[in-house]
């Protein structure tokens, strides 16, 4: 069960932005299997049945529009949304900022952000990804300066391989030294929700040999 017995599940209703995406689907399923409520934020009503089948309670809201109704009654937010390169500033930056503002206004304190390795230095990233990394960096910084309790998770290259439940976590990881299954990224996001050692932390993750919770326990000292 996620989180483990060592974690106190204070976040009972969690909004998943980007629930229909590849990472978001895993997050929705993990939370749907738990005793918590997974509120699956979707862009269109046509996605509702699929997300309900994955254990989510669908709510239609667009990150480029009004999201205030989506956050009402939530205890925490997992931002797993992505533009896929179509509108990086409108979704990956401004959409995240809009949701952060809505959370703050609604009194939702906990916010777990799916970011990207390389967002700490966008100018050093590959040219095709530069705008995306800039957008993620600006969204991350906005979250850090907000009044929310944040955790920012920056995975390396994502794969569709089955998750192993074991990762490396820290800062300064070599992006060329590995990749990580989306399923393990989702497990990391869910574990982070109520795991106090990563409150206020920004860190990178890749596949590794350490159970996720044990790896996260070392983040603050890395």
C-alpha atoms as a PDB file:
ATOM      1  CA  UNK A   1       0.000   0.000   0.000  1.00  0.00           C
ATOM      2  CA  UNK A   2       1.173   3.517  -0.716  1.00  0.00           C
ATOM      3  CA  UNK A   3       2.137   5.269   1.463  1.00  0.00           C
ATOM      4  CA  UNK A   4       3.748   2.744   3.818  1.00  0.00           C
ATOM      5  CA  UNK A   5       3.022   2.314   7.494  1.00  0.00           C
ATOM      6  CA  UNK A   6       5.838   4.757   8.283  1.00  0.00           C
ATOM      7  CA  UNK A   7       3.922   7.578   6.606  1.00  0.00           C
ATOM      8  CA  UNK A   8       0.885   9.400   7.942  1.00  0.00           C
ATOM      9  CA  UNK A   9      -1.781   9.801   5.259  1.00  0.00           C
ATOM     10  CA  UNK A  10      -3.009  13.298   6.021  1.00  0.00           C
ATOM     11  CA  UNK A  11      -3.820  14.024   2.365  1.00  0.00           C
ATOM     12  CA  UNK A  12      -7.137  12.288   1.823  1.00  0.00           C
ATOM     13  CA  UNK A  13      -8.479  13.949  -1.332  1.00  0.00           C
ATOM     14  CA  UNK A  14      -5.837  14.496  -3.985  1.00  0.00           C
ATOM     15  CA  UNK A  15      -6.329  16.348  -7.246  1.00  0.00           C
ATOM     16  CA  UNK A  16      -4.271  14.868 -10.074  1.00  0.00           C
ATOM     17  CA  UNK A  17      -3.630  17.428 -12.809  1.00  0.00           C
ATOM     18  CA  UNK A  18      -2.804  15.572 -15.995  1.00  0.00           C
ATOM     19  CA  UNK A  19      -4.510  12.395 -14.801  1.00  0.00           C
ATOM     20  CA  UNK A  20      -5.035  11.205 -18.367  1.00  0.00           C
ATOM     21  CA  UNK A  21      -1.321  11.418 -19.185  1.00  0.00           C
ATOM     22  CA  UNK A  22       1.015   8.448 -18.947  1.00  0.00           C
ATOM     23  CA  UNK A  23       2.377   9.302 -15.498  1.00  0.00           C
ATOM     24  CA  UNK A  24      -0.972  10.662 -14.330  1.00  0.00           C
ATOM     25  CA  UNK A  25      -2.747   7.417 -15.147  1.00  0.00           C
ATOM     26  CA  UNK A  26      -0.362   5.523 -12.887  1.00  0.00           C
ATOM     27  CA  UNK A  27      -0.856   8.115 -10.116  1.00  0.00           C
ATOM     28  CA  UNK A  28      -4.619   7.810 -10.431  1.00  0.00           C
ATOM     29  CA  UNK A  29      -4.487   4.016 -10.225  1.00  0.00           C
ATOM     30  CA  UNK A  30      -2.177   4.039  -7.201  1.00  0.00           C
ATOM     31  CA  UNK A  31      -4.360   6.491  -5.301  1.00  0.00           C
ATOM     32  CA  UNK A  32      -7.530   4.761  -6.488  1.00  0.00           C
ATOM     33  CA  UNK A  33      -6.262   1.522  -4.925  1.00  0.00           C
ATOM     34  CA  UNK A  34      -5.664   3.266  -1.600  1.00  0.00           C
ATOM     35  CA  UNK A  35      -8.119   4.567   0.967  1.00  0.00           C
ATOM     36  CA  UNK A  36      -7.704   8.076  -0.382  1.00  0.00           C
ATOM     37  CA  UNK A  37      -9.781   9.838  -3.021  1.00  0.00           C
ATOM     38  CA  UNK A  38      -8.170  10.397  -6.411  1.00  0.00           C
ATOM     39  CA  UNK A  39      -9.801  13.381  -8.078  1.00  0.00           C
ATOM     40  CA  UNK A  40      -8.828  12.942 -11.715  1.00  0.00           C
ATOM     41  CA  UNK A  41      -8.630  16.263 -13.535  1.00  0.00           C
ATOM     42  CA  UNK A  42      -9.435  15.815 -17.235  1.00  0.00           C
ATOM     43  CA  UNK A  43      -9.806  18.219 -20.141  1.00  0.00           C
ATOM     44  CA  UNK A  44     -12.908  16.654 -21.716  1.00  0.00           C
ATOM     45  CA  UNK A  45     -15.896  14.684 -20.517  1.00  0.00           C
ATOM     46  CA  UNK A  46     -15.008  11.957 -23.026  1.00  0.00           C
ATOM     47  CA  UNK A  47     -12.132  10.892 -20.748  1.00  0.00           C
ATOM     48  CA  UNK A  48     -14.353  10.489 -17.678  1.00  0.00           C
ATOM     49  CA  UNK A  49     -15.277   6.805 -18.014  1.00  0.00           C
ATOM     50  CA  UNK A  50     -11.660   5.754 -18.535  1.00  0.00           C
ATOM     51  CA  UNK A  51     -10.436   7.655 -15.500  1.00  0.00           C
ATOM     52  CA  UNK A  52     -13.291   6.326 -13.353  1.00  0.00           C
ATOM     53  CA  UNK A  53     -12.249   2.807 -14.381  1.00  0.00           C
ATOM     54  CA  UNK A  54      -8.745   3.613 -13.144  1.00  0.00           C
ATOM     55  CA  UNK A  55     -10.108   4.559  -9.730  1.00  0.00           C
ATOM     56  CA  UNK A  56     -10.441   8.313 -10.163  1.00  0.00           C
ATOM     57  CA  UNK A  57     -13.320  10.688  -9.561  1.00  0.00           C
ATOM     58  CA  UNK A  58     -13.318  12.758 -12.764  1.00  0.00           C
ATOM     59  CA  UNK A  59     -13.504  16.542 -12.750  1.00  0.00           C
ATOM     60  CA  UNK A  60     -13.407  18.484 -16.011  1.00  0.00           C
ATOM     61  CA  UNK A  61     -11.060  21.469 -15.939  1.00  0.00           C
ATOM     62  CA  UNK A  62      -8.549  22.965 -18.366  1.00  0.00           C
ATOM     63  CA  UNK A  63      -5.228  24.303 -17.103  1.00  0.00           C
ATOM     64  CA  UNK A  64      -5.488  27.110 -19.629  1.00  0.00           C
ATOM     65  CA  UNK A  65      -8.855  28.141 -18.178  1.00  0.00           C
ATOM     66  CA  UNK A  66     -10.694  28.090 -14.843  1.00  0.00           C
ATOM     67  CA  UNK A  67      -9.407  25.509 -12.359  1.00  0.00           C
ATOM     68  CA  UNK A  68     -10.822  26.916  -9.134  1.00  0.00           C
ATOM     69  CA  UNK A  69     -13.702  24.424  -8.962  1.00  0.00           C
ATOM     70  CA  UNK A  70     -11.291  21.508  -9.378  1.00  0.00           C
ATOM     71  CA  UNK A  71      -9.325  22.259  -6.206  1.00  0.00           C
ATOM     72  CA  UNK A  72     -12.315  22.772  -3.912  1.00  0.00           C
ATOM     73  CA  UNK A  73     -12.303  20.270  -1.051  1.00  0.00           C
ATOM     74  CA  UNK A  74      -8.858  18.893  -1.878  1.00  0.00           C
ATOM     75  CA  UNK A  75      -6.086  18.267   0.645  1.00  0.00           C
ATOM     76  CA  UNK A  76      -3.255  18.029  -1.870  1.00  0.00           C
ATOM     77  CA  UNK A  77      -2.388  18.336  -5.549  1.00  0.00           C
ATOM     78  CA  UNK A  78      -0.164  16.234  -7.767  1.00  0.00           C
ATOM     79  CA  UNK A  79       0.789  18.134 -10.906  1.00  0.00           C
ATOM     80  CA  UNK A  80       1.573  15.521 -13.558  1.00  0.00           C
ATOM     81  CA  UNK A  81       0.310  17.499 -16.539  1.00  0.00           C
ATOM     82  CA  UNK A  82       2.327  18.233 -19.655  1.00  0.00           C
ATOM     83  CA  UNK A  83       1.761  19.972 -22.958  1.00  0.00           C
ATOM     84  CA  UNK A  84       3.668  17.407 -24.984  1.00  0.00           C
ATOM     85  CA  UNK A  85       5.529  20.319 -26.537  1.00  0.00           C
ATOM     86  CA  UNK A  86       2.423  21.955 -28.015  1.00  0.00           C
ATOM     87  CA  UNK A  87       2.051  24.812 -25.518  1.00  0.00           C
ATOM     88  CA  UNK A  88       4.885  24.644 -23.004  1.00  0.00           C
ATOM     89  CA  UNK A  89       4.420  28.144 -21.626  1.00  0.00           C
ATOM     90  CA  UNK A  90       0.626  27.957 -21.569  1.00  0.00           C
ATOM     91  CA  UNK A  91       0.424  24.562 -19.835  1.00  0.00           C
ATOM     92  CA  UNK A  92       3.751  23.626 -18.250  1.00  0.00           C
ATOM     93  CA  UNK A  93       4.326  27.106 -16.821  1.00  0.00           C
ATOM     94  CA  UNK A  94       1.156  29.210 -16.781  1.00  0.00           C
ATOM     95  CA  UNK A  95      -1.141  26.230 -16.173  1.00  0.00           C
ATOM     96  CA  UNK A  96       0.948  25.169 -13.209  1.00  0.00           C
ATOM     97  CA  UNK A  97       1.014  28.717 -11.871  1.00  0.00           C
ATOM     98  CA  UNK A  98      -2.761  28.992 -12.223  1.00  0.00           C
ATOM     99  CA  UNK A  99      -3.233  25.789 -10.240  1.00  0.00           C
ATOM    100  CA  UNK A 100      -0.766  26.936  -7.573  1.00  0.00           C
ATOM    101  CA  UNK A 101      -2.713  30.174  -7.174  1.00  0.00           C
ATOM    102  CA  UNK A 102      -6.024  28.304  -7.018  1.00  0.00           C
ATOM    103  CA  UNK A 103      -4.624  25.940  -4.393  1.00  0.00           C
ATOM    104  CA  UNK A 104      -3.374  28.817  -2.279  1.00  0.00           C
ATOM    105  CA  UNK A 105      -6.707  30.615  -2.533  1.00  0.00           C
ATOM    106  CA  UNK A 106      -8.620  27.453  -1.573  1.00  0.00           C
ATOM    107  CA  UNK A 107      -6.368  26.655   1.374  1.00  0.00           C
ATOM    108  CA  UNK A 108      -4.854  23.543  -0.195  1.00  0.00           C
ATOM    109  CA  UNK A 109      -1.408  23.401   1.380  1.00  0.00           C
ATOM    110  CA  UNK A 110       0.330  20.385  -0.219  1.00  0.00           C
ATOM    111  CA  UNK A 111       1.592  20.473  -3.814  1.00  0.00           C
ATOM    112  CA  UNK A 112       3.759  17.803  -5.472  1.00  0.00           C
ATOM    113  CA  UNK A 113       5.182  18.921  -8.811  1.00  0.00           C
ATOM    114  CA  UNK A 114       6.387  16.653 -11.599  1.00  0.00           C
ATOM    115  CA  UNK A 115       9.225  18.607 -13.173  1.00  0.00           C
ATOM    116  CA  UNK A 116      12.191  17.483 -15.244  1.00  0.00           C
ATOM    117  CA  UNK A 117      15.878  16.838 -14.862  1.00  0.00           C
ATOM    118  CA  UNK A 118      17.654  19.785 -16.495  1.00  0.00           C
ATOM    119  CA  UNK A 119      15.174  22.383 -15.249  1.00  0.00           C
ATOM    120  CA  UNK A 120      17.849  23.726 -12.913  1.00  0.00           C
ATOM    121  CA  UNK A 121      19.900  24.846 -15.932  1.00  0.00           C
ATOM    122  CA  UNK A 122      17.696  25.122 -19.053  1.00  0.00           C
ATOM    123  CA  UNK A 123      20.335  26.868 -21.141  1.00  0.00           C
ATOM    124  CA  UNK A 124      22.511  23.746 -20.923  1.00  0.00           C
ATOM    125  CA  UNK A 125      19.748  21.479 -22.169  1.00  0.00           C
ATOM    126  CA  UNK A 126      19.174  20.238 -25.727  1.00  0.00           C
ATOM    127  CA  UNK A 127      17.899  22.984 -28.021  1.00  0.00           C
ATOM    128  CA  UNK A 128      14.562  21.226 -28.797  1.00  0.00           C
ATOM    129  CA  UNK A 129      13.820  20.975 -25.048  1.00  0.00           C
ATOM    130  CA  UNK A 130      15.009  24.425 -24.030  1.00  0.00           C
ATOM    131  CA  UNK A 131      11.630  26.174 -23.959  1.00  0.00           C
ATOM    132  CA  UNK A 132      10.139  23.242 -22.059  1.00  0.00           C
ATOM    133  CA  UNK A 133      12.908  23.340 -19.460  1.00  0.00           C
ATOM    134  CA  UNK A 134      12.545  27.110 -19.094  1.00  0.00           C
ATOM    135  CA  UNK A 135       8.798  26.705 -18.562  1.00  0.00           C
ATOM    136  CA  UNK A 136       9.344  24.000 -15.952  1.00  0.00           C
ATOM    137  CA  UNK A 137      12.042  26.025 -14.195  1.00  0.00           C
ATOM    138  CA  UNK A 138       9.793  29.073 -13.928  1.00  0.00           C
ATOM    139  CA  UNK A 139       6.864  26.995 -12.658  1.00  0.00           C
ATOM    140  CA  UNK A 140       9.113  25.308 -10.095  1.00  0.00           C
ATOM    141  CA  UNK A 141      10.416  28.641  -8.850  1.00  0.00           C
ATOM    142  CA  UNK A 142       6.897  30.060  -8.580  1.00  0.00           C
ATOM    143  CA  UNK A 143       5.889  27.052  -6.473  1.00  0.00           C
ATOM    144  CA  UNK A 144       8.931  27.415  -4.217  1.00  0.00           C
ATOM    145  CA  UNK A 145       8.104  31.078  -3.536  1.00  0.00           C
ATOM    146  CA  UNK A 146       4.417  30.360  -2.863  1.00  0.00           C
ATOM    147  CA  UNK A 147       2.939  29.690   0.561  1.00  0.00           C
ATOM    148  CA  UNK A 148       2.353  26.015  -0.280  1.00  0.00           C
ATOM    149  CA  UNK A 149       4.290  23.064   1.107  1.00  0.00           C
ATOM    150  CA  UNK A 150       5.976  21.850  -2.048  1.00  0.00           C
ATOM    151  CA  UNK A 151       7.928  18.880  -3.298  1.00  0.00           C
ATOM    152  CA  UNK A 152       9.441  19.095  -6.784  1.00  0.00           C
ATOM    153  CA  UNK A 153      10.408  15.813  -8.438  1.00  0.00           C
ATOM    154  CA  UNK A 154      12.712  15.910 -11.470  1.00  0.00           C
ATOM    155  CA  UNK A 155      13.000  12.584 -13.287  1.00  0.00           C
ATOM    156  CA  UNK A 156      15.410  11.790 -16.090  1.00  0.00           C
ATOM    157  CA  UNK A 157      14.426  10.132 -19.356  1.00  0.00           C
ATOM    158  CA  UNK A 158      11.050   8.392 -18.999  1.00  0.00           C
ATOM    159  CA  UNK A 159      10.355   4.877 -20.227  1.00  0.00           C
ATOM    160  CA  UNK A 160       7.343   2.584 -20.473  1.00  0.00           C
ATOM    161  CA  UNK A 161       9.197  -0.275 -18.765  1.00  0.00           C
ATOM    162  CA  UNK A 162       7.472  -1.876 -15.774  1.00  0.00           C
ATOM    163  CA  UNK A 163       8.324  -0.184 -12.492  1.00  0.00           C
ATOM    164  CA  UNK A 164      10.684  -1.842 -10.058  1.00  0.00           C
ATOM    165  CA  UNK A 165       9.924   0.233  -6.960  1.00  0.00           C
ATOM    166  CA  UNK A 166      13.615   1.111  -6.669  1.00  0.00           C
ATOM    167  CA  UNK A 167      15.240   4.436  -7.580  1.00  0.00           C
ATOM    168  CA  UNK A 168      18.140   6.819  -7.062  1.00  0.00           C
ATOM    169  CA  UNK A 169      17.219  10.221  -5.637  1.00  0.00           C
ATOM    170  CA  UNK A 170      19.266  13.338  -4.993  1.00  0.00           C
ATOM    171  CA  UNK A 171      20.779  16.297  -6.779  1.00  0.00           C
ATOM    172  CA  UNK A 172      23.441  16.381  -9.441  1.00  0.00           C
ATOM    173  CA  UNK A 173      22.531  12.997 -10.917  1.00  0.00           C
ATOM    174  CA  UNK A 174      24.049  12.398 -14.354  1.00  0.00           C
ATOM    175  CA  UNK A 175      21.170  12.416 -16.872  1.00  0.00           C
ATOM    176  CA  UNK A 176      23.166  10.138 -19.148  1.00  0.00           C
ATOM    177  CA  UNK A 177      23.567   7.518 -16.429  1.00  0.00           C
ATOM    178  CA  UNK A 178      20.095   6.064 -16.674  1.00  0.00           C
ATOM    179  CA  UNK A 179      16.373   6.462 -17.182  1.00  0.00           C
ATOM    180  CA  UNK A 180      13.262   5.696 -15.142  1.00  0.00           C
ATOM    181  CA  UNK A 181       9.908   3.974 -15.795  1.00  0.00           C
ATOM    182  CA  UNK A 182       6.882   6.245 -15.619  1.00  0.00           C
ATOM    183  CA  UNK A 183       5.358   3.830 -13.125  1.00  0.00           C
ATOM    184  CA  UNK A 184       8.230   4.478 -10.691  1.00  0.00           C
ATOM    185  CA  UNK A 185       7.880   8.226 -11.209  1.00  0.00           C
ATOM    186  CA  UNK A 186       4.214   7.910 -10.259  1.00  0.00           C
ATOM    187  CA  UNK A 187       5.063   5.851  -7.172  1.00  0.00           C
ATOM    188  CA  UNK A 188       7.570   8.502  -6.155  1.00  0.00           C
ATOM    189  CA  UNK A 189       4.974  11.267  -6.499  1.00  0.00           C
ATOM    190  CA  UNK A 190       2.440   9.318  -4.435  1.00  0.00           C
ATOM    191  CA  UNK A 191       4.981   8.391  -1.773  1.00  0.00           C
ATOM    192  CA  UNK A 192       6.099  12.021  -1.533  1.00  0.00           C
ATOM    193  CA  UNK A 193       2.610  13.289  -0.742  1.00  0.00           C
ATOM    194  CA  UNK A 194       2.765  12.653   3.003  1.00  0.00           C
ATOM    195  CA  UNK A 195       6.465  11.914   3.419  1.00  0.00           C
ATOM    196  CA  UNK A 196       7.844  14.746   5.536  1.00  0.00           C
ATOM    197  CA  UNK A 197      11.551  14.272   4.648  1.00  0.00           C
ATOM    198  CA  UNK A 198      10.793  15.648   1.167  1.00  0.00           C
ATOM    199  CA  UNK A 199       8.633  18.592   2.232  1.00  0.00           C
ATOM    200  CA  UNK A 200      10.179  21.723   0.730  1.00  0.00           C
ATOM    201  CA  UNK A 201      12.656  19.689  -1.334  1.00  0.00           C
ATOM    202  CA  UNK A 202      13.570  19.669  -5.031  1.00  0.00           C
ATOM    203  CA  UNK A 203      15.366  16.547  -6.241  1.00  0.00           C
ATOM    204  CA  UNK A 204      16.124  14.339  -9.223  1.00  0.00           C
ATOM    205  CA  UNK A 205      15.300  10.663  -9.702  1.00  0.00           C
ATOM    206  CA  UNK A 206      16.518   7.822 -11.897  1.00  0.00           C
ATOM    207  CA  UNK A 207      16.153   4.065 -11.677  1.00  0.00           C
ATOM    208  CA  UNK A 208      18.315   2.569  -8.969  1.00  0.00           C
ATOM    209  CA  UNK A 209      18.628  -0.144  -6.355  1.00  0.00           C
ATOM    210  CA  UNK A 210      17.039   1.569  -3.325  1.00  0.00           C
ATOM    211  CA  UNK A 211      13.358   1.238  -2.369  1.00  0.00           C
ATOM    212  CA  UNK A 212      11.568   4.505  -3.127  1.00  0.00           C
ATOM    213  CA  UNK A 213      10.790   5.522   0.464  1.00  0.00           C
ATOM    214  CA  UNK A 214      14.343   4.743   1.602  1.00  0.00           C
ATOM    215  CA  UNK A 215      15.745   6.781  -1.282  1.00  0.00           C
ATOM    216  CA  UNK A 216      13.500   9.740  -0.453  1.00  0.00           C
ATOM    217  CA  UNK A 217      14.543   9.595   3.192  1.00  0.00           C
ATOM    218  CA  UNK A 218      18.050  10.647   2.146  1.00  0.00           C
ATOM    219  CA  UNK A 219      17.014  13.561  -0.079  1.00  0.00           C
ATOM    220  CA  UNK A 220      17.344  16.312   2.514  1.00  0.00           C
ATOM    221  CA  UNK A 221      20.926  15.322   3.298  1.00  0.00           C
ATOM    222  CA  UNK A 222      22.074  14.816  -0.299  1.00  0.00           C
END
